[in-house]
PDB file of N, CA and C in Angstrom:
ATOM      1  N   MET A   1     -26.515 192.370 -79.228  1.00  0.00           N
ATOM      2  CA  MET A   1     -27.397 191.433 -78.852  1.00  0.00           C
ATOM      3  C   MET A   1     -27.953 191.540 -80.072  1.00  0.00           C
ATOM      4  N   GLY A   2     -28.500 192.202 -80.829  1.00  0.00           N
ATOM      5  CA  GLY A   2     -29.447 192.634 -81.683  1.00  0.00           C
ATOM      6  C   GLY A   2     -28.836 191.438 -83.347  1.00  0.00           C
ATOM      7  N   ASP A   3     -27.704 191.461 -83.540  1.00  0.00           N
ATOM      8  CA  ASP A   3     -27.228 190.645 -84.301  1.00  0.00           C
ATOM      9  C   ASP A   3     -26.928 189.250 -84.214  1.00  0.00           C
ATOM     10  N   ILE A   4     -27.385 188.626 -82.556  1.00  0.00           N
ATOM     11  CA  ILE A   4     -27.483 187.546 -82.297  1.00  0.00           C
ATOM     12  C   ILE A   4     -29.329 187.609 -82.256  1.00  0.00           C
ATOM     13  N   SER A   5     -30.111 188.117 -82.187  1.00  0.00           N
ATOM     14  CA  SER A   5     -31.383 188.088 -82.020  1.00  0.00           C
ATOM     15  C   SER A   5     -31.340 187.974 -83.544  1.00  0.00           C
ATOM     16  N   GLU A   6     -30.887 188.448 -84.044  1.00  0.00           N
ATOM     17  CA  GLU A   6     -31.355 188.491 -85.658  1.00  0.00           C
ATOM     18  C   GLU A   6     -30.768 186.516 -86.374  1.00  0.00           C
ATOM     19  N   ARG A   7     -29.792 186.251 -86.002  1.00  0.00           N
ATOM     20  CA  ARG A   7     -29.485 184.937 -86.638  1.00  0.00           C
ATOM     21  C   ARG A   7     -30.428 183.967 -86.238  1.00  0.00           C
ATOM     22  N   LEU A   8     -30.799 184.304 -84.611  1.00  0.00           N
ATOM     23  CA  LEU A   8     -31.446 183.117 -84.021  1.00  0.00           C
ATOM     24  C   LEU A   8     -32.941 183.054 -84.831  1.00  0.00           C
ATOM     25  N   ALA A   9     -33.259 184.333 -85.371  1.00  0.00           N
ATOM     26  CA  ALA A   9     -34.433 184.526 -86.001  1.00  0.00           C
ATOM     27  C   ALA A   9     -33.657 183.449 -87.542  1.00  0.00           C
ATOM     28  N   TRP A  10     -32.811 184.237 -88.191  1.00  0.00           N
ATOM     29  CA  TRP A  10     -32.790 183.716 -89.222  1.00  0.00           C
ATOM     30  C   TRP A  10     -32.309 182.253 -89.438  1.00  0.00           C
ATOM     31  N   VAL A  11     -32.248 181.564 -88.511  1.00  0.00           N
ATOM     32  CA  VAL A  11     -32.060 180.035 -88.387  1.00  0.00           C
ATOM     33  C   VAL A  11     -33.525 179.511 -88.428  1.00  0.00           C
ATOM     34  N   SER A  12     -34.212 179.848 -87.157  1.00  0.00           N
ATOM     35  CA  SER A  12     -35.350 179.100 -87.187  1.00  0.00           C
ATOM     36  C   SER A  12     -36.085 179.686 -88.609  1.00  0.00           C
ATOM     37  N   GLY A  13     -35.971 180.602 -88.799  1.00  0.00           N
ATOM     38  CA  GLY A  13     -37.114 181.343 -90.235  1.00  0.00           C
ATOM     39  C   GLY A  13     -36.847 180.273 -91.345  1.00  0.00           C
ATOM     40  N   GLU A  14     -35.317 180.063 -91.690  1.00  0.00           N
ATOM     41  CA  GLU A  14     -35.088 179.107 -92.984  1.00  0.00           C
ATOM     42  C   GLU A  14     -35.641 177.784 -92.618  1.00  0.00           C
ATOM     43  N   ARG A  15     -36.145 177.373 -91.864  1.00  0.00           N
ATOM     44  CA  ARG A  15     -36.647 176.127 -91.478  1.00  0.00           C
ATOM     45  C   ARG A  15     -37.645 176.073 -91.796  1.00  0.00           C
ATOM     46  N   HIS A  16     -38.678 177.072 -91.423  1.00  0.00           N
ATOM     47  CA  HIS A  16     -39.745 177.319 -91.753  1.00  0.00           C
ATOM     48  C   HIS A  16     -40.058 177.308 -92.753  1.00  0.00           C
ATOM     49  N   LYS A  17     -39.620 178.152 -93.486  1.00  0.00           N
ATOM     50  CA  LYS A  17     -39.657 178.774 -94.917  1.00  0.00           C
ATOM     51  C   LYS A  17     -39.484 177.551 -95.897  1.00  0.00           C
ATOM     52  N   LYS A  18     -38.619 176.813 -95.339  1.00  0.00           N
ATOM     53  CA  LYS A  18     -38.602 175.153 -96.492  1.00  0.00           C
ATOM     54  C   LYS A  18     -40.028 175.414 -96.565  1.00  0.00           C
ATOM     55  N   LYS A  19     -40.420 174.665 -95.775  1.00  0.00           N
ATOM     56  CA  LYS A  19     -41.801 174.142 -95.394  1.00  0.00           C
ATOM     57  C   LYS A  19     -43.070 175.324 -96.077  1.00  0.00           C
ATOM     58  N   VAL A  20     -42.947 176.009 -95.814  1.00  0.00           N
ATOM     59  CA  VAL A  20     -43.710 176.995 -96.338  1.00  0.00           C
ATOM     60  C   VAL A  20     -44.089 176.826 -97.700  1.00  0.00           C
ATOM     61  N   ARG A  21     -42.675 177.665 -98.664  1.00  0.00           N
ATOM     62  CA  ARG A  21     -43.027 177.183 -99.799  1.00  0.00           C
ATOM     63  C   ARG A  21     -43.239 176.339-100.652  1.00  0.00           C
ATOM     64  N   GLU A  22     -43.281 175.249 -99.913  1.00  0.00           N
ATOM     65  CA  GLU A  22     -44.671 174.208-100.813  1.00  0.00           C
ATOM     66  C   GLU A  22     -45.893 174.411-101.205  1.00  0.00           C
ATOM     67  N   HIS A  23     -46.571 175.574-100.111  1.00  0.00           N
ATOM     68  CA  HIS A  23     -48.152 175.650-100.032  1.00  0.00           C
ATOM     69  C   HIS A  23     -48.080 176.959-100.484  1.00  0.00           C
ATOM     70  N   ILE A  24     -47.008 177.920-100.900  1.00  0.00           N
ATOM     71  CA  ILE A  24     -47.281 179.331-101.313  1.00  0.00           C
ATOM     72  C   ILE A  24     -47.298 179.137-102.828  1.00  0.00           C
ATOM     73  N   ASP A  25     -48.189 180.294-103.580  1.00  0.00           N
ATOM     74  CA  ASP A  25     -47.798 180.768-104.916  1.00  0.00           C
ATOM     75  C   ASP A  25     -47.141 181.659-105.275  1.00  0.00           C
ATOM     76  N   LEU A  26     -46.587 182.695-104.368  1.00  0.00           N
ATOM     77  CA  LEU A  26     -45.613 183.891-104.516  1.00  0.00           C
ATOM     78  C   LEU A  26     -44.564 183.708-102.868  1.00  0.00           C
ATOM     79  N   PHE A  27     -43.307 183.840-103.848  1.00  0.00           N
ATOM     80  CA  PHE A  27     -42.690 183.852-102.395  1.00  0.00           C
ATOM     81  C   PHE A  27     -41.130 185.041-102.744  1.00  0.00           C
ATOM     82  N   LEU A  28     -41.794 186.368-101.774  1.00  0.00           N
ATOM     83  CA  LEU A  28     -40.760 187.091-102.289  1.00  0.00           C
ATOM     84  C   LEU A  28     -39.764 187.570-101.243  1.00  0.00           C
ATOM     85  N   GLN A  29     -38.643 187.826-101.914  1.00  0.00           N
ATOM     86  CA  GLN A  29     -37.380 187.603-100.689  1.00  0.00           C
ATOM     87  C   GLN A  29     -36.899 188.765-100.861  1.00  0.00           C
ATOM     88  N   PRO A  30     -36.851 190.053-100.290  1.00  0.00           N
ATOM     89  CA  PRO A  30     -35.914 191.199-101.201  1.00  0.00           C
ATOM     90  C   PRO A  30     -34.976 191.546-100.692  1.00  0.00           C
ATOM     91  N   PRO A  31     -33.967 191.536-101.740  1.00  0.00           N
ATOM     92  CA  PRO A  31     -32.227 191.653-100.904  1.00  0.00           C
ATOM     93  C   PRO A  31     -31.278 193.307-100.552  1.00  0.00           C
ATOM     94  N   VAL A  32     -32.213 192.504 -98.583  1.00  0.00           N
ATOM     95  CA  VAL A  32     -32.091 193.251 -97.861  1.00  0.00           C
ATOM     96  C   VAL A  32     -30.928 192.592 -97.028  1.00  0.00           C
ATOM     97  N   GLY A  33     -30.167 192.201 -97.007  1.00  0.00           N
ATOM     98  CA  GLY A  33     -29.016 191.213 -96.242  1.00  0.00           C
ATOM     99  C   GLY A  33     -28.414 191.915 -95.694  1.00  0.00           C
ATOM    100  N   ASN A  34     -27.931 193.442 -96.503  1.00  0.00           N
ATOM    101  CA  ASN A  34     -27.101 194.284 -96.388  1.00  0.00           C
ATOM    102  C   ASN A  34     -27.134 195.101 -94.871  1.00  0.00           C
ATOM    103  N   TYR A  35     -28.636 195.213 -94.461  1.00  0.00           N
ATOM    104  CA  TYR A  35     -29.126 196.030 -93.519  1.00  0.00           C
ATOM    105  C   TYR A  35     -29.274 195.471 -92.056  1.00  0.00           C
ATOM    106  N   GLY A  36     -29.226 195.936 -91.416  1.00  0.00           N
ATOM    107  CA  GLY A  36     -28.966 195.315 -90.042  1.00  0.00           C
ATOM    108  C   GLY A  36     -30.170 195.758 -89.177  1.00  0.00           C
ATOM    109  N   VAL A  37     -30.615 195.107 -88.513  1.00  0.00           N
ATOM    110  CA  VAL A  37     -32.178 194.409 -87.650  1.00  0.00           C
ATOM    111  C   VAL A  37     -31.957 196.662 -86.912  1.00  0.00           C
ATOM    112  N   LEU A  38     -31.166 196.725 -86.641  1.00  0.00           N
ATOM    113  CA  LEU A  38     -31.062 198.241 -85.921  1.00  0.00           C
ATOM    114  C   LEU A  38     -30.640 199.335 -86.866  1.00  0.00           C
ATOM    115  N   GLU A  39     -30.660 199.025 -88.008  1.00  0.00           N
ATOM    116  CA  GLU A  39     -30.642 200.787 -89.030  1.00  0.00           C
ATOM    117  C   GLU A  39     -31.974 200.851 -89.432  1.00  0.00           C
ATOM    118  N   TYR A  40     -32.198 202.105 -88.219  1.00  0.00           N
ATOM    119  CA  TYR A  40     -33.926 202.296 -88.509  1.00  0.00           C
ATOM    120  C   TYR A  40     -33.237 203.726 -89.501  1.00  0.00           C
ATOM    121  N   ASP A  41     -32.077 204.396 -89.143  1.00  0.00           N
ATOM    122  CA  ASP A  41     -31.934 205.950 -90.672  1.00  0.00           C
ATOM    123  C   ASP A  41     -32.136 205.157 -91.920  1.00  0.00           C
ATOM    124  N   LYS A  42     -32.336 203.866 -92.151  1.00  0.00           N
ATOM    125  CA  LYS A  42     -32.235 203.522 -93.322  1.00  0.00           C
ATOM    126  C   LYS A  42     -33.684 202.761 -93.705  1.00  0.00           C
ATOM    127  N   PHE A  43     -34.605 202.965 -93.326  1.00  0.00           N
ATOM    128  CA  PHE A  43     -35.997 202.454 -93.262  1.00  0.00           C
ATOM    129  C   PHE A  43     -35.934 203.342 -94.773  1.00  0.00           C
ATOM    130  N   ASP A  44     -35.814 204.005 -94.888  1.00  0.00           N
ATOM    131  CA  ASP A  44     -36.896 204.689 -96.613  1.00  0.00           C
ATOM    132  C   ASP A  44     -35.985 203.805 -97.667  1.00  0.00           C
ATOM    133  N   ASP A  45     -34.500 203.499 -97.321  1.00  0.00           N
ATOM    134  CA  ASP A  45     -33.751 203.171 -98.644  1.00  0.00           C
ATOM    135  C   ASP A  45     -34.713 201.545 -98.719  1.00  0.00           C
ATOM    136  N   ILE A  46     -34.730 201.054 -97.252  1.00  0.00           N
ATOM    137  CA  ILE A  46     -35.166 199.328 -97.144  1.00  0.00           C
ATOM    138  C   ILE A  46     -36.369 199.338 -97.659  1.00  0.00           C
ATOM    139  N   VAL A  47     -37.742 200.309 -97.603  1.00  0.00           N
ATOM    140  CA  VAL A  47     -38.991 200.104 -98.357  1.00  0.00           C
ATOM    141  C   VAL A  47     -38.588 200.339-100.173  1.00  0.00           C
ATOM    142  N   LYS A  48     -37.823 201.285-100.312  1.00  0.00           N
ATOM    143  CA  LYS A  48     -37.504 201.600-101.573  1.00  0.00           C
ATOM    144  C   LYS A  48     -36.728 200.152-102.206  1.00  0.00           C
ATOM    145  N   LEU A  49     -35.507 199.678-101.438  1.00  0.00           N
ATOM    146  CA  LEU A  49     -35.738 198.730-102.366  1.00  0.00           C
ATOM    147  C   LEU A  49     -36.235 197.484-102.191  1.00  0.00           C
ATOM    148  N   GLY A  50     -37.276 197.159-101.106  1.00  0.00           N
ATOM    149  CA  GLY A  50     -38.319 196.573-101.387  1.00  0.00           C
ATOM    150  C   GLY A  50     -39.208 196.320-102.107  1.00  0.00           C
ATOM    151  N   TYR A  51     -39.641 197.696-102.041  1.00  0.00           N
ATOM    152  CA  TYR A  51     -40.675 197.797-103.572  1.00  0.00           C
ATOM    153  C   TYR A  51     -40.239 197.540-104.592  1.00  0.00           C
ATOM    154  N   GLU A  52     -38.728 198.050-105.199  1.00  0.00           N
ATOM    155  CA  GLU A  52     -38.702 198.216-106.278  1.00  0.00           C
ATOM    156  C   GLU A  52     -38.113 196.111-107.152  1.00  0.00           C
ATOM    157  N   TYR A  53     -37.781 195.900-105.703  1.00  0.00           N
ATOM    158  CA  TYR A  53     -37.830 194.298-105.952  1.00  0.00           C
ATOM    159  C   TYR A  53     -39.095 193.784-106.286  1.00  0.00           C
ATOM    160  N   ALA A  54     -40.283 193.754-105.511  1.00  0.00           N
ATOM    161  CA  ALA A  54     -41.370 193.344-105.823  1.00  0.00           C
ATOM    162  C   ALA A  54     -42.199 193.421-106.864  1.00  0.00           C
ATOM    163  N   LYS A  55     -42.314 194.944-107.218  1.00  0.00           N
ATOM    164  CA  LYS A  55     -43.036 195.437-107.946  1.00  0.00           C
ATOM    165  C   LYS A  55     -43.458 194.455-109.402  1.00  0.00           C
ATOM    166  N   PRO A  56     -42.352 194.435-109.883  1.00  0.00           N
ATOM    167  CA  PRO A  56     -42.325 193.364-110.956  1.00  0.00           C
ATOM    168  C   PRO A  56     -42.727 192.490-111.022  1.00  0.00           C
ATOM    169  N   ARG A  57     -42.319 191.520-109.948  1.00  0.00           N
ATOM    170  CA  ARG A  57     -42.755 189.878-109.700  1.00  0.00           C
ATOM    171  C   ARG A  57     -44.321 189.380-109.208  1.00  0.00           C
ATOM    172  N   VAL A  58     -44.943 190.846-108.599  1.00  0.00           N
ATOM    173  CA  VAL A  58     -46.183 190.963-108.240  1.00  0.00           C
ATOM    174  C   VAL A  58     -46.955 191.311-110.099  1.00  0.00           C
ATOM    175  N   ASP A  59     -46.531 191.938-110.136  1.00  0.00           N
ATOM    176  CA  ASP A  59     -47.208 192.541-111.819  1.00  0.00           C
ATOM    177  C   ASP A  59     -47.184 191.266-112.738  1.00  0.00           C
ATOM    178  N   ASN A  60     -45.750 190.713-112.441  1.00  0.00           N
ATOM    179  CA  ASN A  60     -45.878 189.412-113.581  1.00  0.00           C
ATOM    180  C   ASN A  60     -46.694 188.692-113.024  1.00  0.00           C
ATOM    181  N   PHE A  61     -46.834 188.176-111.539  1.00  0.00           N
ATOM    182  CA  PHE A  61     -47.429 186.757-111.200  1.00  0.00           C
ATOM    183  C   PHE A  61     -48.986 187.101-111.241  1.00  0.00           C
ATOM    184  N   VAL A  62     -49.833 188.979-111.491  1.00  0.00           N
ATOM    185  CA  VAL A  62     -51.024 189.411-111.309  1.00  0.00           C
ATOM    186  C   VAL A  62     -51.781 189.021-112.908  1.00  0.00           C
ATOM    187  N   LYS A  63     -50.393 188.809-114.221  1.00  0.00           N
ATOM    188  CA  LYS A  63     -50.452 188.576-114.959  1.00  0.00           C
ATOM    189  C   LYS A  63     -50.840 187.350-115.617  1.00  0.00           C
ATOM    190  N   LYS A  64     -50.117 186.516-114.772  1.00  0.00           N
ATOM    191  CA  LYS A  64     -50.039 185.245-115.340  1.00  0.00           C
ATOM    192  C   LYS A  64     -51.645 184.516-114.137  1.00  0.00           C
ATOM    193  N   HIS A  65     -51.795 185.091-113.033  1.00  0.00           N
ATOM    194  CA  HIS A  65     -53.142 185.045-112.414  1.00  0.00           C
ATOM    195  C   HIS A  65     -54.157 185.729-112.315  1.00  0.00           C
ATOM    196  N   PRO A  66     -54.557 186.097-113.684  1.00  0.00           N
ATOM    197  CA  PRO A  66     -55.838 187.699-113.142  1.00  0.00           C
ATOM    198  C   PRO A  66     -57.187 187.064-111.918  1.00  0.00           C
ATOM    199  N   TYR A  67     -57.057 185.554-111.955  1.00  0.00           N
ATOM    200  CA  TYR A  67     -58.325 185.680-111.708  1.00  0.00           C
ATOM    201  C   TYR A  67     -58.041 185.556-110.255  1.00  0.00           C
ATOM    202  N   LEU A  68     -56.683 185.398-109.525  1.00  0.00           N
ATOM    203  CA  LEU A  68     -57.087 185.396-108.511  1.00  0.00           C
ATOM    204  C   LEU A  68     -57.045 187.028-107.654  1.00  0.00           C
ATOM    205  N   VAL A  69     -56.896 187.609-108.060  1.00  0.00           N
ATOM    206  CA  VAL A  69     -57.179 189.776-107.942  1.00  0.00           C
ATOM    207  C   VAL A  69     -58.528 190.178-108.132  1.00  0.00           C
ATOM    208  N   SER A  70     -58.901 190.503-107.077  1.00  0.00           N
ATOM    209  CA  SER A  70     -60.202 191.004-106.927  1.00  0.00           C
ATOM    210  C   SER A  70     -60.050 192.388-107.391  1.00  0.00           C
TER     211      SER A  70
END
């Protein structure tokens, strides 16, 4: 059931994501595709992966657009 719900959310999310990308300044998509929806025991690993993915991208974005950070 969890996998079916995940797929339904993915299909809907992909369509929405295409529309949203036209209006955003920074889009982050951490590589978490190898983790299932119900893998709660992997929470710390996923957080670490997301942080390591996002940190350099956010830092680079802030360097290019320092006026956006208060």
